[in-house]
């Protein structure tokens, strides 16, 4: 069990607060329109979430997500974007089956190694999050190796510094 400094506790509280606000925003959208919602963030290790390469990569992927939806004749009903201290958030509500959109997004997440940092969640019109396992799809893979991400996190296979350096290098290469 890790001991956390006051600064780390403060950061974790900010992350939990942002997650709670996002949760209620998604819930409110679903209650308003009775349609599924997509939530998109980046899994950025380390303290700083809003460095230029990360913001650019997030914005780039918002456009890619919109293009995938458009190519599949899926209309975005409402959308919002925030760049806050805990990271960038994109939320959109769409008029299509949540399971179908989740499959599209998993396919996109797995299309390039760098896309493993994408965190795209789909909630159905009953406010239930659609998981990969709900659809019989494989678990998310680690950023660095091809093991299951959950196993690497549990076993602490990679240090926080190694993860942060890897992600920053990937984002820097993507920019070029």
Foldseek 3Di string as FASTA:
>chain_A
DDDDDPVRVVLVVVVVVVVVVVLVVQVVVLVVPLFKKKKKWFQAFDQAADPPLNVVVRVVVVVVLVVLCVVVVKDWPDWDWDQDNNGIMIMTTIDDAQVVSVVVVVCVCPVDLLSLRMDMWMAGSVRHIDDCVNVPHDARAPSPDRHHNVVCVVVVVDPSVRRNVSNVVVSVVVVD
